[in-house]
């Protein structure tokens, strides 16, 4: 089973779902390009807790998750960041072409209610061999948008 965390981006030139610009989303996708999924969740939780400007928040979250801040800045300020935003926008708009709520959780393209128990049930019903499917519900975080 593959997981991907995708920000809610209608239009990378300024149409993000929960802010006037997409700076937080750009900083996040730039960091995600360096991280495995477990660290992406940790990074996203850190970003959600920050009140700093996007790049400052991302640099602050970088140290705890292993993100190279130099690569992060280069991505954020360059064409790679724009490309990552465009790719995330394509995915978001494919699965959410109309009004949307966040977090949005899809399990194999099926819309799931964004609560921990429902997400676990859907993932396990889809055949996951994760330890959570063997009856142990320990340490799972529900602070993510998964597609």
N, C-alpha and C. Protein backbone atom coordinates (compact mmCIF):
# COMPACT_ATOMS: atom_id res chain seq x y z
N UNK A 1 0.85 -1.17 0.00
CA UNK A 1 0.00 0.00 0.00
C UNK A 1 0.90 1.23 0.00
N UNK A 2 0.62 2.18 -0.85
CA UNK A 2 1.39 3.41 -0.93
C UNK A 2 0.60 4.56 -0.34
N UNK A 3 1.32 5.43 0.36
CA UNK A 3 0.72 6.62 0.94
C UNK A 3 1.39 7.84 0.33
N UNK A 4 0.65 8.89 0.15
CA UNK A 4 1.20 10.16 -0.28
C UNK A 4 0.45 11.26 0.45
N UNK A 5 1.17 12.22 0.95
CA UNK A 5 0.57 13.39 1.57
C UNK A 5 0.57 14.49 0.51
N UNK A 6 -0.60 15.01 0.21
CA UNK A 6 -0.73 15.99 -0.87
C UNK A 6 -1.44 17.23 -0.33
N UNK A 7 -0.81 18.41 -0.47
CA UNK A 7 -1.46 19.62 0.01
C UNK A 7 -2.65 20.01 -0.86
N UNK A 8 -3.56 20.75 -0.26
CA UNK A 8 -4.77 21.20 -0.95
C UNK A 8 -4.47 22.44 -1.78
N UNK A 9 -4.16 22.23 -3.06
CA UNK A 9 -3.78 23.33 -3.94
C UNK A 9 -4.70 23.35 -5.16
N UNK A 10 -5.51 24.37 -5.28
CA UNK A 10 -6.34 24.53 -6.47
C UNK A 10 -5.50 25.01 -7.64
N UNK A 11 -4.74 26.08 -7.39
CA UNK A 11 -3.94 26.71 -8.44
C UNK A 11 -2.62 27.13 -7.82
N UNK A 12 -1.50 26.57 -8.26
CA UNK A 12 -0.20 26.88 -7.65
C UNK A 12 0.18 28.35 -7.67
N UNK A 13 -0.48 29.15 -8.49
CA UNK A 13 -0.15 30.57 -8.53
C UNK A 13 -0.93 31.38 -7.49
N UNK A 14 -1.59 30.70 -6.57
CA UNK A 14 -2.25 31.43 -5.49
C UNK A 14 -3.57 30.87 -5.04
N UNK A 15 -3.95 29.70 -5.48
CA UNK A 15 -5.25 29.16 -5.11
C UNK A 15 -5.19 28.01 -4.14
N UNK A 16 -4.52 28.19 -3.02
CA UNK A 16 -4.50 27.12 -2.03
C UNK A 16 -5.76 27.18 -1.18
N UNK A 17 -6.19 26.06 -0.68
CA UNK A 17 -7.49 25.96 -0.02
C UNK A 17 -7.57 26.76 1.26
N UNK A 18 -6.49 26.79 2.07
CA UNK A 18 -6.62 27.44 3.37
C UNK A 18 -5.70 28.64 3.59
N UNK A 19 -5.18 29.25 2.51
CA UNK A 19 -4.41 30.47 2.65
C UNK A 19 -4.42 31.24 1.33
N UNK A 20 -4.02 32.51 1.40
CA UNK A 20 -4.06 33.37 0.22
C UNK A 20 -2.97 33.06 -0.80
N UNK A 21 -1.85 32.54 -0.35
CA UNK A 21 -0.80 32.11 -1.27
C UNK A 21 -0.47 30.66 -0.95
N UNK A 22 0.47 30.10 -1.64
CA UNK A 22 0.80 28.69 -1.43
C UNK A 22 2.20 28.50 -0.82
N UNK A 23 2.67 29.50 -0.09
CA UNK A 23 4.02 29.41 0.46
C UNK A 23 4.19 28.25 1.44
N UNK A 24 3.24 28.05 2.33
CA UNK A 24 3.35 26.93 3.28
C UNK A 24 3.36 25.60 2.53
N UNK A 25 2.51 25.51 1.52
CA UNK A 25 2.45 24.27 0.74
C UNK A 25 3.75 24.05 -0.03
N UNK A 26 4.31 25.14 -0.58
CA UNK A 26 5.57 25.01 -1.33
C UNK A 26 6.70 24.57 -0.40
N UNK A 27 6.81 25.19 0.76
CA UNK A 27 7.84 24.79 1.72
C UNK A 27 7.65 23.32 2.12
N UNK A 28 6.41 22.92 2.27
CA UNK A 28 6.11 21.54 2.68
C UNK A 28 6.46 20.54 1.58
N UNK A 29 6.06 20.79 0.34
CA UNK A 29 6.40 19.83 -0.72
C UNK A 29 7.90 19.79 -0.98
N UNK A 30 8.59 20.91 -0.78
CA UNK A 30 10.05 20.91 -0.93
C UNK A 30 10.68 20.03 0.15
N UNK A 31 10.19 20.12 1.36
CA UNK A 31 10.70 19.27 2.43
C UNK A 31 10.32 17.81 2.18
N UNK A 32 9.07 17.57 1.78
CA UNK A 32 8.62 16.21 1.50
C UNK A 32 9.49 15.52 0.45
N UNK A 33 10.02 16.28 -0.50
CA UNK A 33 10.85 15.67 -1.55
C UNK A 33 12.13 15.05 -0.99
N UNK A 34 12.45 15.37 0.26
CA UNK A 34 13.65 14.82 0.91
C UNK A 34 13.31 13.75 1.96
N UNK A 35 12.03 13.48 2.21
CA UNK A 35 11.64 12.67 3.36
C UNK A 35 10.82 11.44 2.99
N UNK A 36 10.96 10.41 3.82
CA UNK A 36 10.08 9.25 3.76
C UNK A 36 8.75 9.63 4.42
N UNK A 37 7.71 8.85 4.20
CA UNK A 37 6.35 9.18 4.64
C UNK A 37 6.26 9.41 6.16
N UNK A 38 6.90 8.61 6.98
CA UNK A 38 6.81 8.78 8.43
C UNK A 38 7.36 10.14 8.85
N UNK A 39 8.45 10.55 8.26
CA UNK A 39 9.04 11.85 8.57
C UNK A 39 8.21 12.98 7.96
N UNK A 40 7.52 12.71 6.86
CA UNK A 40 6.63 13.72 6.28
C UNK A 40 5.51 14.07 7.26
N UNK A 41 4.96 13.05 7.90
CA UNK A 41 3.89 13.28 8.88
C UNK A 41 4.43 14.11 10.04
N UNK A 42 5.63 13.78 10.51
CA UNK A 42 6.26 14.53 11.59
C UNK A 42 6.51 15.99 11.17
N UNK A 43 7.01 16.17 9.96
CA UNK A 43 7.27 17.51 9.44
C UNK A 43 5.97 18.31 9.33
N UNK A 44 4.93 17.70 8.79
CA UNK A 44 3.65 18.37 8.63
C UNK A 44 3.07 18.79 9.99
N UNK A 45 3.17 17.94 10.98
CA UNK A 45 2.69 18.29 12.33
C UNK A 45 3.44 19.49 12.87
N UNK A 46 4.75 19.53 12.65
CA UNK A 46 5.56 20.67 13.07
C UNK A 46 5.12 21.94 12.36
N UNK A 47 4.92 21.86 11.04
CA UNK A 47 4.49 23.03 10.27
C UNK A 47 3.12 23.52 10.76
N UNK A 48 2.23 22.61 11.07
CA UNK A 48 0.89 22.98 11.54
C UNK A 48 0.95 23.73 12.87
N UNK A 49 1.98 23.46 13.67
CA UNK A 49 2.12 24.11 14.97
C UNK A 49 2.82 25.46 14.90
N UNK A 50 3.32 25.83 13.74
CA UNK A 50 4.12 27.05 13.61
C UNK A 50 3.28 28.26 13.19
N UNK A 51 3.68 29.42 13.69
CA UNK A 51 3.06 30.68 13.29
C UNK A 51 4.03 31.52 12.46
N UNK A 52 5.22 30.98 12.17
CA UNK A 52 6.23 31.70 11.41
C UNK A 52 5.86 31.77 9.93
N UNK A 53 6.59 32.62 9.19
CA UNK A 53 6.47 32.63 7.74
C UNK A 53 6.86 31.25 7.23
N UNK A 54 6.41 30.88 6.05
CA UNK A 54 6.55 29.52 5.53
C UNK A 54 7.97 28.98 5.54
N UNK A 55 8.92 29.70 4.95
CA UNK A 55 10.28 29.18 4.86
C UNK A 55 10.94 29.12 6.23
N UNK A 56 10.68 30.10 7.07
CA UNK A 56 11.23 30.08 8.43
C UNK A 56 10.67 28.90 9.21
N UNK A 57 9.38 28.65 9.08
CA UNK A 57 8.76 27.51 9.75
C UNK A 57 9.37 26.20 9.25
N UNK A 58 9.54 26.09 7.94
CA UNK A 58 10.10 24.87 7.36
C UNK A 58 11.52 24.63 7.84
N UNK A 59 12.31 25.69 7.89
CA UNK A 59 13.70 25.56 8.37
C UNK A 59 13.73 25.15 9.83
N UNK A 60 12.80 25.65 10.60
CA UNK A 60 12.71 25.27 12.01
C UNK A 60 12.34 23.79 12.16
N UNK A 61 11.45 23.32 11.31
CA UNK A 61 11.01 21.91 11.36
C UNK A 61 12.04 20.97 10.73
N UNK A 62 12.93 21.52 9.94
CA UNK A 62 13.90 20.70 9.21
C UNK A 62 14.83 19.94 10.13
N UNK A 63 15.29 20.57 11.19
CA UNK A 63 16.29 19.93 12.04
C UNK A 63 15.80 18.65 12.69
N UNK A 64 14.55 18.62 13.09
CA UNK A 64 14.03 17.43 13.77
C UNK A 64 13.67 16.31 12.81
N UNK A 65 13.59 16.60 11.51
CA UNK A 65 13.16 15.59 10.55
C UNK A 65 14.24 15.20 9.54
N UNK A 66 15.39 15.87 9.58
CA UNK A 66 16.49 15.51 8.69
C UNK A 66 16.46 16.18 7.33
N UNK A 67 15.72 17.27 7.19
CA UNK A 67 15.67 18.01 5.93
C UNK A 67 16.90 18.90 5.83
N UNK A 68 17.55 18.86 4.68
CA UNK A 68 18.69 19.73 4.39
C UNK A 68 18.15 21.12 4.10
N UNK A 69 18.47 22.09 4.96
CA UNK A 69 17.90 23.44 4.82
C UNK A 69 18.40 24.16 3.57
N UNK A 70 19.60 23.85 3.13
CA UNK A 70 20.12 24.46 1.90
C UNK A 70 19.29 23.99 0.70
N UNK A 71 19.05 22.68 0.61
CA UNK A 71 18.22 22.14 -0.48
C UNK A 71 16.80 22.66 -0.37
N UNK A 72 16.31 22.80 0.84
CA UNK A 72 14.96 23.32 1.07
C UNK A 72 14.83 24.74 0.52
N UNK A 73 15.78 25.60 0.84
CA UNK A 73 15.76 26.99 0.37
C UNK A 73 15.86 27.06 -1.15
N UNK A 74 16.76 26.26 -1.73
CA UNK A 74 16.94 26.25 -3.18
C UNK A 74 15.64 25.82 -3.86
N UNK A 75 15.01 24.79 -3.33
CA UNK A 75 13.74 24.31 -3.88
C UNK A 75 12.67 25.39 -3.76
N UNK A 76 12.51 25.95 -2.57
CA UNK A 76 11.47 26.93 -2.30
C UNK A 76 11.60 28.16 -3.20
N UNK A 77 12.82 28.60 -3.43
CA UNK A 77 13.06 29.82 -4.21
C UNK A 77 13.26 29.57 -5.70
N UNK A 78 13.17 28.32 -6.14
CA UNK A 78 13.45 28.01 -7.54
C UNK A 78 12.34 27.28 -8.25
N UNK A 79 12.69 26.79 -9.42
CA UNK A 79 11.70 26.13 -10.28
C UNK A 79 11.25 24.78 -9.74
N UNK A 80 12.09 24.11 -8.95
CA UNK A 80 11.68 22.82 -8.40
C UNK A 80 10.46 22.98 -7.50
N UNK A 81 10.45 24.02 -6.68
CA UNK A 81 9.30 24.27 -5.81
C UNK A 81 8.03 24.50 -6.61
N UNK A 82 8.15 25.26 -7.70
CA UNK A 82 7.00 25.51 -8.55
C UNK A 82 6.52 24.22 -9.21
N UNK A 83 7.44 23.37 -9.65
CA UNK A 83 7.09 22.09 -10.27
C UNK A 83 6.39 21.17 -9.29
N UNK A 84 6.90 21.12 -8.06
CA UNK A 84 6.29 20.27 -7.03
C UNK A 84 4.88 20.77 -6.70
N UNK A 85 4.70 22.09 -6.63
CA UNK A 85 3.36 22.64 -6.39
C UNK A 85 2.40 22.28 -7.52
N UNK A 86 2.86 22.39 -8.75
CA UNK A 86 2.01 22.06 -9.90
C UNK A 86 1.61 20.59 -9.87
N UNK A 87 2.55 19.71 -9.55
CA UNK A 87 2.25 18.28 -9.48
C UNK A 87 1.24 17.98 -8.37
N UNK A 88 1.42 18.62 -7.21
CA UNK A 88 0.48 18.43 -6.10
C UNK A 88 -0.90 18.96 -6.47
N UNK A 89 -0.94 20.07 -7.18
CA UNK A 89 -2.21 20.64 -7.62
C UNK A 89 -2.95 19.69 -8.55
N UNK A 90 -2.22 19.06 -9.45
CA UNK A 90 -2.85 18.09 -10.37
C UNK A 90 -3.49 16.94 -9.59
N UNK A 91 -2.78 16.43 -8.59
CA UNK A 91 -3.32 15.32 -7.80
C UNK A 91 -4.54 15.79 -7.02
N UNK A 92 -4.44 16.93 -6.35
CA UNK A 92 -5.55 17.43 -5.54
C UNK A 92 -6.80 17.64 -6.41
N UNK A 93 -6.63 18.31 -7.54
CA UNK A 93 -7.77 18.61 -8.40
C UNK A 93 -8.35 17.36 -9.06
N UNK A 94 -7.54 16.34 -9.26
CA UNK A 94 -8.04 15.08 -9.81
C UNK A 94 -9.02 14.44 -8.83
N UNK A 95 -8.68 14.43 -7.56
CA UNK A 95 -9.51 13.77 -6.57
C UNK A 95 -10.54 14.69 -5.93
N UNK A 96 -10.31 15.99 -6.00
CA UNK A 96 -11.22 16.96 -5.40
C UNK A 96 -11.51 18.10 -6.36
N UNK A 97 -12.27 17.86 -7.43
CA UNK A 97 -12.50 18.92 -8.41
C UNK A 97 -13.48 20.00 -7.93
N UNK A 98 -14.28 19.71 -6.94
CA UNK A 98 -15.27 20.67 -6.45
C UNK A 98 -14.92 21.15 -5.06
N UNK A 99 -15.95 21.54 -4.32
CA UNK A 99 -15.74 21.96 -2.92
C UNK A 99 -15.09 20.84 -2.16
N UNK A 100 -14.20 21.22 -1.26
CA UNK A 100 -13.45 20.20 -0.52
C UNK A 100 -13.31 20.61 0.94
N UNK A 101 -13.04 19.64 1.75
CA UNK A 101 -12.72 19.87 3.15
C UNK A 101 -11.34 19.26 3.40
N UNK A 102 -10.68 19.76 4.44
CA UNK A 102 -9.39 19.19 4.79
C UNK A 102 -9.39 18.90 6.29
N UNK A 103 -8.73 17.86 6.72
CA UNK A 103 -7.95 16.95 5.88
C UNK A 103 -8.85 16.06 5.04
N UNK A 104 -8.33 15.66 3.91
CA UNK A 104 -9.03 14.78 2.97
C UNK A 104 -8.27 13.46 2.93
N UNK A 105 -8.95 12.37 3.20
CA UNK A 105 -8.29 11.07 3.23
C UNK A 105 -8.94 10.16 2.19
N UNK A 106 -8.11 9.64 1.31
CA UNK A 106 -8.55 8.66 0.32
C UNK A 106 -7.75 7.39 0.55
N UNK A 107 -8.43 6.26 0.55
CA UNK A 107 -7.76 4.97 0.61
C UNK A 107 -8.08 4.29 -0.72
N UNK A 108 -7.05 4.11 -1.54
CA UNK A 108 -7.21 3.59 -2.90
C UNK A 108 -8.34 4.30 -3.65
N UNK A 109 -8.26 5.61 -3.63
CA UNK A 109 -9.17 6.55 -4.30
C UNK A 109 -10.56 6.61 -3.71
N UNK A 110 -10.84 5.91 -2.63
CA UNK A 110 -12.15 5.96 -1.99
C UNK A 110 -12.12 6.97 -0.85
N UNK A 111 -13.07 7.89 -0.85
CA UNK A 111 -13.16 8.92 0.17
C UNK A 111 -13.47 8.28 1.53
N UNK A 112 -12.70 8.64 2.53
CA UNK A 112 -12.91 8.11 3.88
C UNK A 112 -13.09 9.27 4.85
N UNK A 113 -13.91 9.07 5.87
CA UNK A 113 -14.05 10.07 6.91
C UNK A 113 -12.71 10.23 7.61
N UNK A 114 -12.37 11.46 7.94
CA UNK A 114 -11.04 11.76 8.47
C UNK A 114 -10.95 11.57 9.98
N UNK A 115 -11.34 10.43 10.47
CA UNK A 115 -11.12 10.12 11.87
C UNK A 115 -10.28 8.85 11.96
N UNK A 116 -9.50 8.74 13.01
CA UNK A 116 -8.52 7.68 13.14
C UNK A 116 -9.12 6.29 12.97
N UNK A 117 -10.20 5.99 13.66
CA UNK A 117 -10.78 4.65 13.59
C UNK A 117 -11.24 4.29 12.18
N UNK A 118 -11.86 5.23 11.50
CA UNK A 118 -12.33 4.97 10.14
C UNK A 118 -11.17 4.77 9.18
N UNK A 119 -10.12 5.57 9.32
CA UNK A 119 -8.95 5.43 8.45
C UNK A 119 -8.30 4.06 8.66
N UNK A 120 -8.14 3.66 9.91
CA UNK A 120 -7.55 2.36 10.20
C UNK A 120 -8.40 1.24 9.60
N UNK A 121 -9.71 1.33 9.78
CA UNK A 121 -10.62 0.31 9.25
C UNK A 121 -10.48 0.20 7.73
N UNK A 122 -10.45 1.34 7.04
CA UNK A 122 -10.35 1.34 5.58
C UNK A 122 -9.01 0.78 5.10
N UNK A 123 -7.94 1.16 5.75
CA UNK A 123 -6.61 0.67 5.36
C UNK A 123 -6.52 -0.83 5.59
N UNK A 124 -7.01 -1.29 6.71
CA UNK A 124 -6.94 -2.72 7.01
C UNK A 124 -7.85 -3.53 6.09
N UNK A 125 -9.05 -3.00 5.79
CA UNK A 125 -9.97 -3.69 4.89
C UNK A 125 -9.38 -3.80 3.48
N UNK A 126 -8.47 -2.89 3.15
CA UNK A 126 -7.85 -2.92 1.83
C UNK A 126 -6.69 -3.91 1.77
N UNK A 127 -6.42 -4.58 2.88
CA UNK A 127 -5.42 -5.64 2.86
C UNK A 127 -4.07 -5.27 3.43
N UNK A 128 -3.97 -4.16 4.13
CA UNK A 128 -2.68 -3.77 4.70
C UNK A 128 -2.21 -4.78 5.74
N UNK A 129 -0.89 -5.00 5.76
CA UNK A 129 -0.31 -5.88 6.77
C UNK A 129 0.30 -5.07 7.91
N UNK A 130 -0.05 -3.80 8.02
CA UNK A 130 0.46 -2.96 9.09
C UNK A 130 0.07 -3.55 10.45
N UNK A 131 0.93 -3.33 11.44
CA UNK A 131 0.65 -3.89 12.76
C UNK A 131 -0.67 -3.40 13.34
N UNK A 132 -1.10 -2.20 12.96
CA UNK A 132 -2.36 -1.68 13.45
C UNK A 132 -3.53 -2.56 13.02
N UNK A 133 -3.36 -3.30 11.94
CA UNK A 133 -4.43 -4.17 11.44
C UNK A 133 -4.53 -5.48 12.21
N UNK A 134 -3.55 -5.75 13.05
CA UNK A 134 -3.61 -6.97 13.85
C UNK A 134 -4.22 -6.70 15.22
N UNK A 135 -4.90 -5.59 15.36
CA UNK A 135 -5.62 -5.30 16.59
C UNK A 135 -4.92 -4.35 17.53
N UNK A 136 -3.71 -3.94 17.20
CA UNK A 136 -2.99 -3.00 18.05
C UNK A 136 -3.12 -1.61 17.47
N UNK A 137 -3.78 -0.72 18.20
CA UNK A 137 -3.96 0.65 17.74
C UNK A 137 -3.11 1.56 18.62
N UNK A 138 -1.81 1.50 18.40
CA UNK A 138 -0.88 2.29 19.20
C UNK A 138 -0.06 3.20 18.31
N UNK A 139 0.04 4.45 18.69
CA UNK A 139 0.96 5.36 18.05
C UNK A 139 0.58 5.85 16.66
N UNK A 140 -0.63 5.66 16.21
CA UNK A 140 -1.03 6.14 14.89
C UNK A 140 -1.49 7.59 15.02
N UNK A 141 -0.94 8.43 14.20
CA UNK A 141 -1.36 9.81 14.20
C UNK A 141 -2.42 10.04 13.14
N UNK A 142 -3.41 10.88 13.43
CA UNK A 142 -4.46 11.16 12.47
C UNK A 142 -4.32 12.58 11.91
N UNK A 143 -3.17 13.23 12.12
CA UNK A 143 -2.97 14.59 11.66
C UNK A 143 -2.35 14.61 10.28
N UNK A 144 -3.02 14.05 9.30
CA UNK A 144 -2.47 14.05 7.95
C UNK A 144 -3.57 14.01 6.91
N UNK A 145 -3.21 14.39 5.73
CA UNK A 145 -4.05 14.26 4.56
C UNK A 145 -3.41 13.22 3.70
N UNK A 146 -4.03 12.12 3.46
CA UNK A 146 -3.40 11.07 2.66
C UNK A 146 -4.21 10.82 1.40
N UNK A 147 -3.50 10.64 0.31
CA UNK A 147 -4.14 10.32 -0.96
C UNK A 147 -3.48 9.07 -1.49
